[in-house]
């Protein structure tokens, strides 16, 4: 079973930046597509970005141009650089393996997530 550990969240002012990290256990990381999700209070979890095993990326419209997903297979880690943060980006952020169907399907268990809070 793949274990996922997210980190890098925090409190930031609107317009600021953060970099989230997600490290996965196991030897199959490089062949898995990965995704970042977020869940705001009182809302359903939503997909923010995905990256295929080959590095192809896709983004939700609300973050396109502001967030960048990347991966380092040597470190079993996927990142998300978040720029120009807005208060509406406030949420708990999670990563997971994904099946790149339409829409993508998360696979496996969720980690504990990392809290991102953007103040206005």
Protein backbone atom coordinates (compact mmCIF):
# COMPACT_ATOMS: atom_id res chain seq x y z
CA UNK A 1 0.00 0.00 0.00
CA UNK A 2 1.36 3.40 -1.03
CA UNK A 3 1.60 5.92 1.78
CA UNK A 4 1.46 9.63 1.00
CA UNK A 5 2.81 12.44 3.17
CA UNK A 6 1.95 16.02 2.26
CA UNK A 7 3.80 19.05 3.61
CA UNK A 8 4.52 22.70 2.92
CA UNK A 9 1.23 24.32 3.79
CA UNK A 10 0.90 27.38 5.97
CA UNK A 11 -0.55 30.84 6.39
CA UNK A 12 0.22 33.33 3.65
CA UNK A 13 -1.12 36.70 2.57
CA UNK A 14 -3.05 37.09 -0.65
CA UNK A 15 -0.64 37.40 -3.55
CA UNK A 16 1.94 35.22 -1.82
CA UNK A 17 3.42 31.87 -2.76
CA UNK A 18 3.83 28.42 -1.28
CA UNK A 19 5.35 25.14 -2.43
CA UNK A 20 3.62 21.93 -1.42
CA UNK A 21 5.37 18.57 -1.40
CA UNK A 22 3.98 15.05 -1.40
CA UNK A 23 6.29 12.11 -0.83
CA UNK A 24 5.12 8.60 -1.63
CA UNK A 25 6.39 5.30 -0.35
CA UNK A 26 6.99 2.34 -2.64
CA UNK A 27 8.95 1.62 -5.78
CA UNK A 28 6.25 2.27 -8.37
CA UNK A 29 6.00 6.05 -7.99
CA UNK A 30 7.53 6.82 -11.37
CA UNK A 31 4.89 4.89 -13.30
CA UNK A 32 1.94 6.50 -11.54
CA UNK A 33 0.10 9.62 -12.54
CA UNK A 34 -0.31 11.92 -9.56
CA UNK A 35 -2.79 14.59 -8.64
CA UNK A 36 -3.25 17.38 -6.15
CA UNK A 37 -6.71 17.87 -4.67
CA UNK A 38 -8.12 20.36 -2.18
CA UNK A 39 -11.05 20.52 0.16
CA UNK A 40 -12.34 23.78 1.56
CA UNK A 41 -14.57 23.87 4.66
CA UNK A 42 -18.09 22.78 3.80
CA UNK A 43 -17.17 21.87 0.23
CA UNK A 44 -16.41 18.69 -1.64
CA UNK A 45 -12.88 17.69 -2.44
CA UNK A 46 -11.89 18.97 -5.88
CA UNK A 47 -9.11 18.14 -8.29
CA UNK A 48 -6.59 20.93 -8.74
CA UNK A 49 -3.89 19.48 -11.01
CA UNK A 50 -2.55 16.25 -12.42
CA UNK A 51 0.78 15.11 -13.81
CA UNK A 52 1.26 11.95 -15.84
CA UNK A 53 4.18 9.58 -15.50
CA UNK A 54 5.66 11.29 -18.54
CA UNK A 55 5.22 14.79 -17.16
CA UNK A 56 2.08 15.95 -18.97
CA UNK A 57 0.17 18.37 -16.77
CA UNK A 58 -3.43 19.53 -16.50
CA UNK A 59 -5.01 22.14 -14.26
CA UNK A 60 -8.38 23.21 -13.01
CA UNK A 61 -9.44 26.48 -14.56
CA UNK A 62 -9.40 28.25 -11.21
CA UNK A 63 -5.64 27.71 -10.77
CA UNK A 64 -4.36 27.67 -14.34
CA UNK A 65 -1.53 30.14 -14.77
CA UNK A 66 -0.96 30.39 -11.00
CA UNK A 67 -0.15 26.83 -9.90
CA UNK A 68 2.50 24.49 -11.32
CA UNK A 69 2.63 20.76 -10.63
CA UNK A 70 5.92 18.92 -11.05
CA UNK A 71 7.53 15.68 -9.98
CA UNK A 72 10.93 14.29 -9.03
CA UNK A 73 10.84 10.55 -9.53
CA UNK A 74 14.25 10.09 -7.91
CA UNK A 75 12.74 11.46 -4.68
CA UNK A 76 9.29 9.87 -5.07
CA UNK A 77 7.92 13.38 -4.67
CA UNK A 78 5.35 15.52 -6.43
CA UNK A 79 5.29 19.27 -5.90
CA UNK A 80 2.87 22.08 -6.42
CA UNK A 81 4.14 25.61 -6.68
CA UNK A 82 1.37 28.04 -5.89
CA UNK A 83 1.73 31.69 -6.86
CA UNK A 84 -0.63 34.68 -6.66
CA UNK A 85 -2.58 32.95 -3.94
CA UNK A 86 -6.14 34.09 -3.25
CA UNK A 87 -8.32 33.69 -0.16
CA UNK A 88 -10.47 31.23 -2.12
CA UNK A 89 -7.43 28.93 -2.36
CA UNK A 90 -7.77 28.29 1.37
CA UNK A 91 -8.24 24.54 1.85
CA UNK A 92 -6.63 21.33 2.97
CA UNK A 93 -4.51 20.06 0.08
CA UNK A 94 -4.05 16.37 -0.62
CA UNK A 95 -2.14 14.37 -3.17
CA UNK A 96 -2.98 10.95 -4.53
CA UNK A 97 -2.23 8.59 -7.34
CA UNK A 98 -4.74 9.08 -10.13
CA UNK A 99 -6.10 7.15 -13.04
CA UNK A 100 -6.13 9.58 -15.95
CA UNK A 101 -9.65 8.95 -17.09
CA UNK A 102 -12.15 11.74 -17.81
CA UNK A 103 -12.53 12.87 -15.10
CA UNK A 104 -9.44 11.49 -13.34
CA UNK A 105 -10.11 8.99 -10.58
CA UNK A 106 -8.11 9.07 -7.33
CA UNK A 107 -6.58 5.74 -6.32
CA UNK A 108 -5.60 4.45 -2.93
CA UNK A 109 -5.81 5.96 0.49
CA UNK A 110 -5.58 9.66 1.25
CA UNK A 111 -2.83 11.15 3.36
CA UNK A 112 -3.40 13.63 6.16
CA UNK A 113 -3.23 16.63 3.85
CA UNK A 114 -1.60 20.00 4.45
CA UNK A 115 -3.51 23.15 5.39
CA UNK A 116 -3.17 26.24 3.21
CA UNK A 117 -4.69 29.43 4.56
CA UNK A 118 -4.63 32.63 2.51
CA UNK A 119 -5.49 35.83 4.32
CA UNK A 120 -6.92 38.85 2.55
